[in-house]
Amino acid sequence: VLSRTNAFELIAHQSIQDISELGIERMEDLEICRVEGCNTMVAFLGSQVPSTPVFQWLKELYLCQLQDLNAICQGPVPLDSFARLMTLAVDDCPNLTELVSWKMAKQLLNLEHLKVKNCPRVKEIVGTDSQSRDVGKFHKLKILELEKLGGLNSIHSNDAFEWPELQKVKIDQCDNLFNLFLSTTNASKLHRIECRRGWWEQLKDDKANLECFCYFTD
């Protein structure tokens, strides 16, 4: 069945640890995937993956209420994997500490919408690779939504990270996030920032050129 499936939901499975247990080779045509309430899942993609690309046609990935999830991908991701992913939404994963690694971020060439919510241990959205000299960018990301991330202290620690298509940012209840590292230089198409006034005032960024884009929610 999976080999002929474009959309797949895995709900409340109580023994699976990662999606590869179902056979990644049978999911090559998958376009939409939702995993919810699978409390034994520790990673969407485990450390044992084939050397060939995986989830090449996946366009939407939703990960919700996964109590033991500590990584989306545990190990190296084969080149060209997730190449068509456009939407990534993660909600209520209390043990997740990092959303995507530096190397995985480089492969998300078509990501347009990134939403992370109710993940209190997430410290960084894009991990840091101290050995890489690349500036890094999300080529097509248009919408970034970060909500109720109490432990978040960085989107990415490199202030040269580029967001060439970013248009909208929503930040809510991310009280330990003091730097956005966004500017009219690295995010030239940004035109809307939704946030609370108190949070905006505590930001350490140079905000002068960004305040005209703010829409305060309180």
C-alpha atoms as a PDB file:
ATOM      1  CA  VAL A   1       0.000   0.000   0.000  1.00  0.00           C
ATOM      2  CA  LEU A   2       2.749   2.476   0.942  1.00  0.00           C
ATOM      3  CA  SER A   3       4.412   2.130  -2.441  1.00  0.00           C
ATOM      4  CA  ARG A   4       1.237   3.548  -4.053  1.00  0.00           C
ATOM      5  CA  THR A   5       0.544   6.214  -1.408  1.00  0.00           C
ATOM      6  CA  ASN A   6       0.923   9.979  -1.806  1.00  0.00           C
ATOM      7  CA  ALA A   7      -0.396  10.976   1.644  1.00  0.00           C
ATOM      8  CA  PHE A   8       0.231   9.077   4.875  1.00  0.00           C
ATOM      9  CA  GLU A   9      -0.771   9.609   8.497  1.00  0.00           C
ATOM     10  CA  LEU A  10       0.709   7.677  11.405  1.00  0.00           C
ATOM     11  CA  ILE A  11      -1.374   8.338  14.524  1.00  0.00           C
ATOM     12  CA  ALA A  12      -0.837   7.051  18.069  1.00  0.00           C
ATOM     13  CA  HIS A  13       1.494   4.175  17.159  1.00  0.00           C
ATOM     14  CA  GLN A  14       3.026   3.151  20.481  1.00  0.00           C
ATOM     15  CA  SER A  15       6.097   1.134  19.534  1.00  0.00           C
ATOM     16  CA  ILE A  16       7.713   2.731  16.489  1.00  0.00           C
ATOM     17  CA  GLN A  17      11.004   4.609  17.031  1.00  0.00           C
ATOM     18  CA  ASP A  18      11.508   6.046  13.553  1.00  0.00           C
ATOM     19  CA  ILE A  19       9.716   5.999  10.243  1.00  0.00           C
ATOM     20  CA  SER A  20      12.284   3.732   8.578  1.00  0.00           C
ATOM     21  CA  GLU A  21      10.800   0.787  10.486  1.00  0.00           C
ATOM     22  CA  LEU A  22       7.948   0.903   7.996  1.00  0.00           C
ATOM     23  CA  GLY A  23      10.332   0.697   5.050  1.00  0.00           C
ATOM     24  CA  ILE A  24      11.610   3.944   3.527  1.00  0.00           C
ATOM     25  CA  GLU A  25      12.079   2.231   0.180  1.00  0.00           C
ATOM     26  CA  ARG A  26       8.288   1.907  -0.029  1.00  0.00           C
ATOM     27  CA  MET A  27       7.709   5.651   0.518  1.00  0.00           C
ATOM     28  CA  GLU A  28       9.510   7.098  -2.475  1.00  0.00           C
ATOM     29  CA  ASP A  29       6.298   8.658  -3.901  1.00  0.00           C
ATOM     30  CA  LEU A  30       5.099  10.126  -0.597  1.00  0.00           C
ATOM     31  CA  GLU A  31       4.138  13.815  -0.826  1.00  0.00           C
ATOM     32  CA  ILE A  32       2.377  14.514   2.484  1.00  0.00           C
ATOM     33  CA  CYS A  33       3.191  12.901   5.846  1.00  0.00           C
ATOM     34  CA  ARG A  34       1.745  13.517   9.299  1.00  0.00           C
ATOM     35  CA  VAL A  35       3.016  11.768  12.420  1.00  0.00           C
ATOM     36  CA  GLU A  36       1.074  12.431  15.631  1.00  0.00           C
ATOM     37  CA  GLY A  37       0.896  10.987  19.123  1.00  0.00           C
ATOM     38  CA  CYS A  38       3.574   8.330  18.592  1.00  0.00           C
ATOM     39  CA  ASN A  39       5.196   8.588  21.997  1.00  0.00           C
ATOM     40  CA  THR A  40       8.012   6.097  21.401  1.00  0.00           C
ATOM     41  CA  MET A  41       9.323   7.835  18.284  1.00  0.00           C
ATOM     42  CA  VAL A  42      12.783   9.297  18.972  1.00  0.00           C
ATOM     43  CA  ALA A  43      13.452  10.550  15.417  1.00  0.00           C
ATOM     44  CA  PHE A  44      11.472  10.866  12.224  1.00  0.00           C
ATOM     45  CA  LEU A  45      14.455   9.531  10.311  1.00  0.00           C
ATOM     46  CA  GLY A  46      16.782   7.256  12.303  1.00  0.00           C
ATOM     47  CA  SER A  47      20.520   6.757  12.006  1.00  0.00           C
ATOM     48  CA  GLN A  48      20.178   3.695   9.756  1.00  0.00           C
ATOM     49  CA  VAL A  49      19.309   5.154   6.357  1.00  0.00           C
ATOM     50  CA  PRO A  50      20.204   4.060   2.827  1.00  0.00           C
ATOM     51  CA  SER A  51      22.965   5.825   0.921  1.00  0.00           C
ATOM     52  CA  THR A  52      20.496   6.879  -1.771  1.00  0.00           C
ATOM     53  CA  PRO A  53      18.180   9.920  -1.418  1.00  0.00           C
ATOM     54  CA  VAL A  54      15.040   9.546   0.705  1.00  0.00           C
ATOM     55  CA  PHE A  55      11.725  11.417   0.647  1.00  0.00           C
ATOM     56  CA  GLN A  56      12.609  13.148  -2.608  1.00  0.00           C
ATOM     57  CA  TRP A  57       8.955  13.893  -3.395  1.00  0.00           C
ATOM     58  CA  LEU A  58       7.816  14.823   0.100  1.00  0.00           C
ATOM     59  CA  LYS A  59       6.255  18.315   0.088  1.00  0.00           C
ATOM     60  CA  GLU A  60       4.624  18.570   3.526  1.00  0.00           C
ATOM     61  CA  LEU A  61       5.788  17.110   6.844  1.00  0.00           C
ATOM     62  CA  TYR A  62       3.852  17.520  10.108  1.00  0.00           C
ATOM     63  CA  LEU A  63       5.223  16.206  13.409  1.00  0.00           C
ATOM     64  CA  CYS A  64       2.862  16.622  16.373  1.00  0.00           C
ATOM     65  CA  GLN A  65       2.681  15.452  19.987  1.00  0.00           C
ATOM     66  CA  LEU A  66       5.753  13.228  19.897  1.00  0.00           C
ATOM     67  CA  GLN A  67       6.846  13.065  23.509  1.00  0.00           C
ATOM     68  CA  ASP A  68      10.218  11.309  23.012  1.00  0.00           C
ATOM     69  CA  LEU A  69      11.275  12.928  19.736  1.00  0.00           C
ATOM     70  CA  ASN A  70      14.792  14.343  20.170  1.00  0.00           C
ATOM     71  CA  ALA A  71      15.721  14.844  16.511  1.00  0.00           C
ATOM     72  CA  ILE A  72      14.027  14.993  13.148  1.00  0.00           C
ATOM     73  CA  CYS A  73      17.001  13.237  11.564  1.00  0.00           C
ATOM     74  CA  GLN A  74      19.432  11.365  13.809  1.00  0.00           C
ATOM     75  CA  GLY A  75      22.276  10.821  11.394  1.00  0.00           C
ATOM     76  CA  PRO A  76      23.622  12.092   8.077  1.00  0.00           C
ATOM     77  CA  VAL A  77      20.958  12.640   5.448  1.00  0.00           C
ATOM     78  CA  PRO A  78      21.777  11.438   1.903  1.00  0.00           C
ATOM     79  CA  LEU A  79      22.256  14.210  -0.640  1.00  0.00           C
ATOM     80  CA  ASP A  80      19.036  15.303  -2.417  1.00  0.00           C
ATOM     81  CA  SER A  81      16.810  13.982   0.366  1.00  0.00           C
ATOM     82  CA  PHE A  82      13.794  16.185   1.241  1.00  0.00           C
ATOM     83  CA  ALA A  83      14.647  18.207  -1.875  1.00  0.00           C
ATOM     84  CA  ARG A  84      11.008  19.160  -2.579  1.00  0.00           C
ATOM     85  CA  LEU A  85       9.876  19.760   1.005  1.00  0.00           C
ATOM     86  CA  MET A  86       7.846  22.985   1.102  1.00  0.00           C
ATOM     87  CA  THR A  87       6.195  22.887   4.548  1.00  0.00           C
ATOM     88  CA  LEU A  88       7.701  21.693   7.829  1.00  0.00           C
ATOM     89  CA  ALA A  89       5.552  22.030  10.954  1.00  0.00           C
ATOM     90  CA  VAL A  90       6.551  20.742  14.389  1.00  0.00           C
ATOM     91  CA  ASP A  91       4.229  21.049  17.408  1.00  0.00           C
ATOM     92  CA  ASP A  92       4.336  19.768  20.979  1.00  0.00           C
ATOM     93  CA  CYS A  93       7.590  17.798  20.926  1.00  0.00           C
ATOM     94  CA  PRO A  94       8.937  18.516  24.442  1.00  0.00           C
ATOM     95  CA  ASN A  95      12.282  16.695  24.098  1.00  0.00           C
ATOM     96  CA  LEU A  96      13.357  18.170  20.776  1.00  0.00           C
ATOM     97  CA  THR A  97      16.446  20.381  21.193  1.00  0.00           C
ATOM     98  CA  GLU A  98      17.425  21.259  17.611  1.00  0.00           C
ATOM     99  CA  LEU A  99      15.163  21.481  14.625  1.00  0.00           C
ATOM    100  CA  VAL A 100      17.498  20.794  11.708  1.00  0.00           C
ATOM    101  CA  SER A 101      21.233  20.348  11.409  1.00  0.00           C
ATOM    102  CA  TRP A 102      23.366  22.667   9.329  1.00  0.00           C
ATOM    103  CA  LYS A 103      23.785  20.001   6.637  1.00  0.00           C
ATOM    104  CA  MET A 104      20.091  19.176   6.480  1.00  0.00           C
ATOM    105  CA  ALA A 105      19.194  22.860   6.210  1.00  0.00           C
ATOM    106  CA  LYS A 106      21.366  23.114   3.113  1.00  0.00           C
ATOM    107  CA  GLN A 107      19.238  20.429   1.448  1.00  0.00           C
ATOM    108  CA  LEU A 108      15.900  22.129   2.068  1.00  0.00           C
ATOM    109  CA  LEU A 109      16.109  24.035  -1.181  1.00  0.00           C
ATOM    110  CA  ASN A 110      12.337  24.418  -1.637  1.00  0.00           C
ATOM    111  CA  LEU A 111      11.195  24.993   1.947  1.00  0.00           C
ATOM    112  CA  GLU A 112       8.665  27.857   2.006  1.00  0.00           C
ATOM    113  CA  HIS A 113       6.909  27.559   5.369  1.00  0.00           C
ATOM    114  CA  LEU A 114       8.549  26.626   8.677  1.00  0.00           C
ATOM    115  CA  LYS A 115       6.478  26.492  11.864  1.00  0.00           C
ATOM    116  CA  VAL A 116       7.694  25.364  15.301  1.00  0.00           C
ATOM    117  CA  LYS A 117       5.410  25.493  18.339  1.00  0.00           C
ATOM    118  CA  ASN A 118       5.299  24.151  21.894  1.00  0.00           C
ATOM    119  CA  CYS A 119       8.816  22.696  21.899  1.00  0.00           C
ATOM    120  CA  PRO A 120      10.280  24.144  25.128  1.00  0.00           C
ATOM    121  CA  ARG A 121      13.728  22.532  24.839  1.00  0.00           C
ATOM    122  CA  VAL A 122      14.527  23.695  21.317  1.00  0.00           C
ATOM    123  CA  LYS A 123      17.560  25.968  21.630  1.00  0.00           C
ATOM    124  CA  GLU A 124      18.345  26.560  17.984  1.00  0.00           C
ATOM    125  CA  ILE A 125      16.381  26.282  14.752  1.00  0.00           C
ATOM    126  CA  VAL A 126      19.361  25.608  12.500  1.00  0.00           C
ATOM    127  CA  GLY A 127      22.328  23.875  14.097  1.00  0.00           C
ATOM    128  CA  THR A 128      25.844  25.252  13.870  1.00  0.00           C
ATOM    129  CA  ASP A 129      28.681  23.604  11.962  1.00  0.00           C
ATOM    130  CA  SER A 130      31.955  25.067  13.197  1.00  0.00           C
ATOM    131  CA  GLN A 131      33.863  23.399  10.353  1.00  0.00           C
ATOM    132  CA  SER A 132      31.827  24.950   7.532  1.00  0.00           C
ATOM    133  CA  ARG A 133      32.699  28.288   5.978  1.00  0.00           C
ATOM    134  CA  ASP A 134      29.456  28.537   4.033  1.00  0.00           C
ATOM    135  CA  VAL A 135      27.219  31.476   4.884  1.00  0.00           C
ATOM    136  CA  GLY A 136      24.104  29.317   4.634  1.00  0.00           C
ATOM    137  CA  LYS A 137      20.620  30.210   3.467  1.00  0.00           C
ATOM    138  CA  PHE A 138      17.024  29.089   3.201  1.00  0.00           C
ATOM    139  CA  HIS A 139      16.618  29.737  -0.497  1.00  0.00           C
ATOM    140  CA  LYS A 140      12.813  29.893  -0.716  1.00  0.00           C
ATOM    141  CA  LEU A 141      11.541  30.259   2.853  1.00  0.00           C
ATOM    142  CA  LYS A 142       8.708  32.809   2.912  1.00  0.00           C
ATOM    143  CA  ILE A 143       7.076  32.291   6.327  1.00  0.00           C
ATOM    144  CA  LEU A 144       8.773  31.572   9.662  1.00  0.00           C
ATOM    145  CA  GLU A 145       6.570  31.001  12.731  1.00  0.00           C
ATOM    146  CA  LEU A 146       8.029  30.369  16.187  1.00  0.00           C
ATOM    147  CA  GLU A 147       5.631  30.035  19.122  1.00  0.00           C
ATOM    148  CA  LYS A 148       5.971  28.972  22.749  1.00  0.00           C
ATOM    149  CA  LEU A 149       9.652  28.041  22.540  1.00  0.00           C
ATOM    150  CA  GLY A 150      10.834  28.932  26.033  1.00  0.00           C
ATOM    151  CA  GLY A 151      14.347  27.547  25.553  1.00  0.00           C
ATOM    152  CA  LEU A 152      15.022  29.108  22.148  1.00  0.00           C
ATOM    153  CA  ASN A 153      18.048  31.391  22.198  1.00  0.00           C
ATOM    154  CA  SER A 154      18.981  31.433  18.516  1.00  0.00           C
ATOM    155  CA  ILE A 155      17.451  30.927  15.099  1.00  0.00           C
ATOM    156  CA  HIS A 156      20.958  30.540  13.789  1.00  0.00           C
ATOM    157  CA  SER A 157      24.119  31.769  15.446  1.00  0.00           C
ATOM    158  CA  ASN A 158      25.605  33.070  12.185  1.00  0.00           C
ATOM    159  CA  ASP A 159      24.351  36.604  11.566  1.00  0.00           C
ATOM    160  CA  ALA A 160      25.335  36.259   7.892  1.00  0.00           C
ATOM    161  CA  PHE A 161      22.705  33.545   7.295  1.00  0.00           C
ATOM    162  CA  GLU A 162      20.624  34.579   4.277  1.00  0.00           C
ATOM    163  CA  TRP A 163      16.836  34.650   3.872  1.00  0.00           C
ATOM    164  CA  PRO A 164      16.378  35.919   0.281  1.00  0.00           C
ATOM    165  CA  GLU A 165      12.622  35.147   0.023  1.00  0.00           C
ATOM    166  CA  LEU A 166      11.528  35.634   3.655  1.00  0.00           C
ATOM    167  CA  GLN A 167       8.388  37.776   3.844  1.00  0.00           C
ATOM    168  CA  LYS A 168       6.745  37.106   7.194  1.00  0.00           C
ATOM    169  CA  VAL A 169       8.043  36.262  10.665  1.00  0.00           C
ATOM    170  CA  LYS A 170       5.850  35.462  13.671  1.00  0.00           C
ATOM    171  CA  ILE A 171       7.411  35.264  17.133  1.00  0.00           C
ATOM    172  CA  ASP A 172       5.311  34.555  20.230  1.00  0.00           C
ATOM    173  CA  GLN A 173       6.379  33.511  23.729  1.00  0.00           C
ATOM    174  CA  CYS A 174      10.038  32.991  22.855  1.00  0.00           C
ATOM    175  CA  ASP A 175      11.287  35.007  25.810  1.00  0.00           C
ATOM    176  CA  ASN A 176      14.931  33.877  25.656  1.00  0.00           C
ATOM    177  CA  LEU A 177      15.362  34.816  22.022  1.00  0.00           C
ATOM    178  CA  PHE A 178      17.247  38.121  22.081  1.00  0.00           C
ATOM    179  CA  ASN A 179      18.634  38.231  18.529  1.00  0.00           C
ATOM    180  CA  LEU A 180      16.856  37.654  15.241  1.00  0.00           C
ATOM    181  CA  PHE A 181      19.896  38.285  13.034  1.00  0.00           C
ATOM    182  CA  LEU A 182      17.539  39.649  10.387  1.00  0.00           C
ATOM    183  CA  SER A 183      18.124  42.820   8.416  1.00  0.00           C
ATOM    184  CA  THR A 184      17.147  44.507   5.180  1.00  0.00           C
ATOM    185  CA  THR A 185      20.394  43.091   3.810  1.00  0.00           C
ATOM    186  CA  ASN A 186      20.023  39.361   4.505  1.00  0.00           C
ATOM    187  CA  ALA A 187      16.190  39.400   4.344  1.00  0.00           C
ATOM    188  CA  SER A 188      15.456  42.027   1.711  1.00  0.00           C
ATOM    189  CA  LYS A 189      11.839  40.919   1.071  1.00  0.00           C
ATOM    190  CA  LEU A 190      10.765  40.894   4.726  1.00  0.00           C
ATOM    191  CA  HIS A 191       7.695  43.073   5.219  1.00  0.00           C
ATOM    192  CA  ARG A 192       5.869  41.720   8.276  1.00  0.00           C
ATOM    193  CA  ILE A 193       7.006  40.832  11.803  1.00  0.00           C
ATOM    194  CA  GLU A 194       4.274  39.740  14.225  1.00  0.00           C
ATOM    195  CA  CYS A 195       5.328  39.833  17.871  1.00  0.00           C
ATOM    196  CA  ARG A 196       4.600  41.289  21.297  1.00  0.00           C
ATOM    197  CA  ARG A 197       5.803  44.790  22.002  1.00  0.00           C
ATOM    198  CA  GLY A 198       7.596  43.797  25.217  1.00  0.00           C
ATOM    199  CA  TRP A 199       9.591  41.111  23.425  1.00  0.00           C
ATOM    200  CA  TRP A 200      10.504  43.478  20.610  1.00  0.00           C
ATOM    201  CA  GLU A 201      11.829  46.058  23.064  1.00  0.00           C
ATOM    202  CA  GLN A 202      14.202  43.548  24.680  1.00  0.00           C
ATOM    203  CA  LEU A 203      15.781  42.526  21.356  1.00  0.00           C
ATOM    204  CA  LYS A 204      19.480  43.295  21.059  1.00  0.00           C
ATOM    205  CA  ASP A 205      19.467  43.545  17.256  1.00  0.00           C
ATOM    206  CA  ASP A 206      19.826  46.804  15.400  1.00  0.00           C
ATOM    207  CA  LYS A 207      16.066  47.215  14.971  1.00  0.00           C
ATOM    208  CA  ALA A 208      15.843  50.654  13.409  1.00  0.00           C
ATOM    209  CA  ASN A 209      15.285  49.393   9.863  1.00  0.00           C
ATOM    210  CA  LEU A 210      12.886  46.641  10.903  1.00  0.00           C
ATOM    211  CA  GLU A 211      10.433  48.365  13.220  1.00  0.00           C
ATOM    212  CA  CYS A 212       8.330  49.642  10.340  1.00  0.00           C
ATOM    213  CA  PHE A 213       7.465  45.994   9.564  1.00  0.00           C
ATOM    214  CA  CYS A 214       6.194  45.243  13.073  1.00  0.00           C
ATOM    215  CA  TYR A 215       2.612  44.311  13.864  1.00  0.00           C
ATOM    216  CA  PHE A 216       2.300  44.096  17.625  1.00  0.00           C
ATOM    217  CA  THR A 217      -0.126  41.448  18.910  1.00  0.00           C
ATOM    218  CA  ASP A 218      -0.694  42.889  22.400  1.00  0.00           C
END
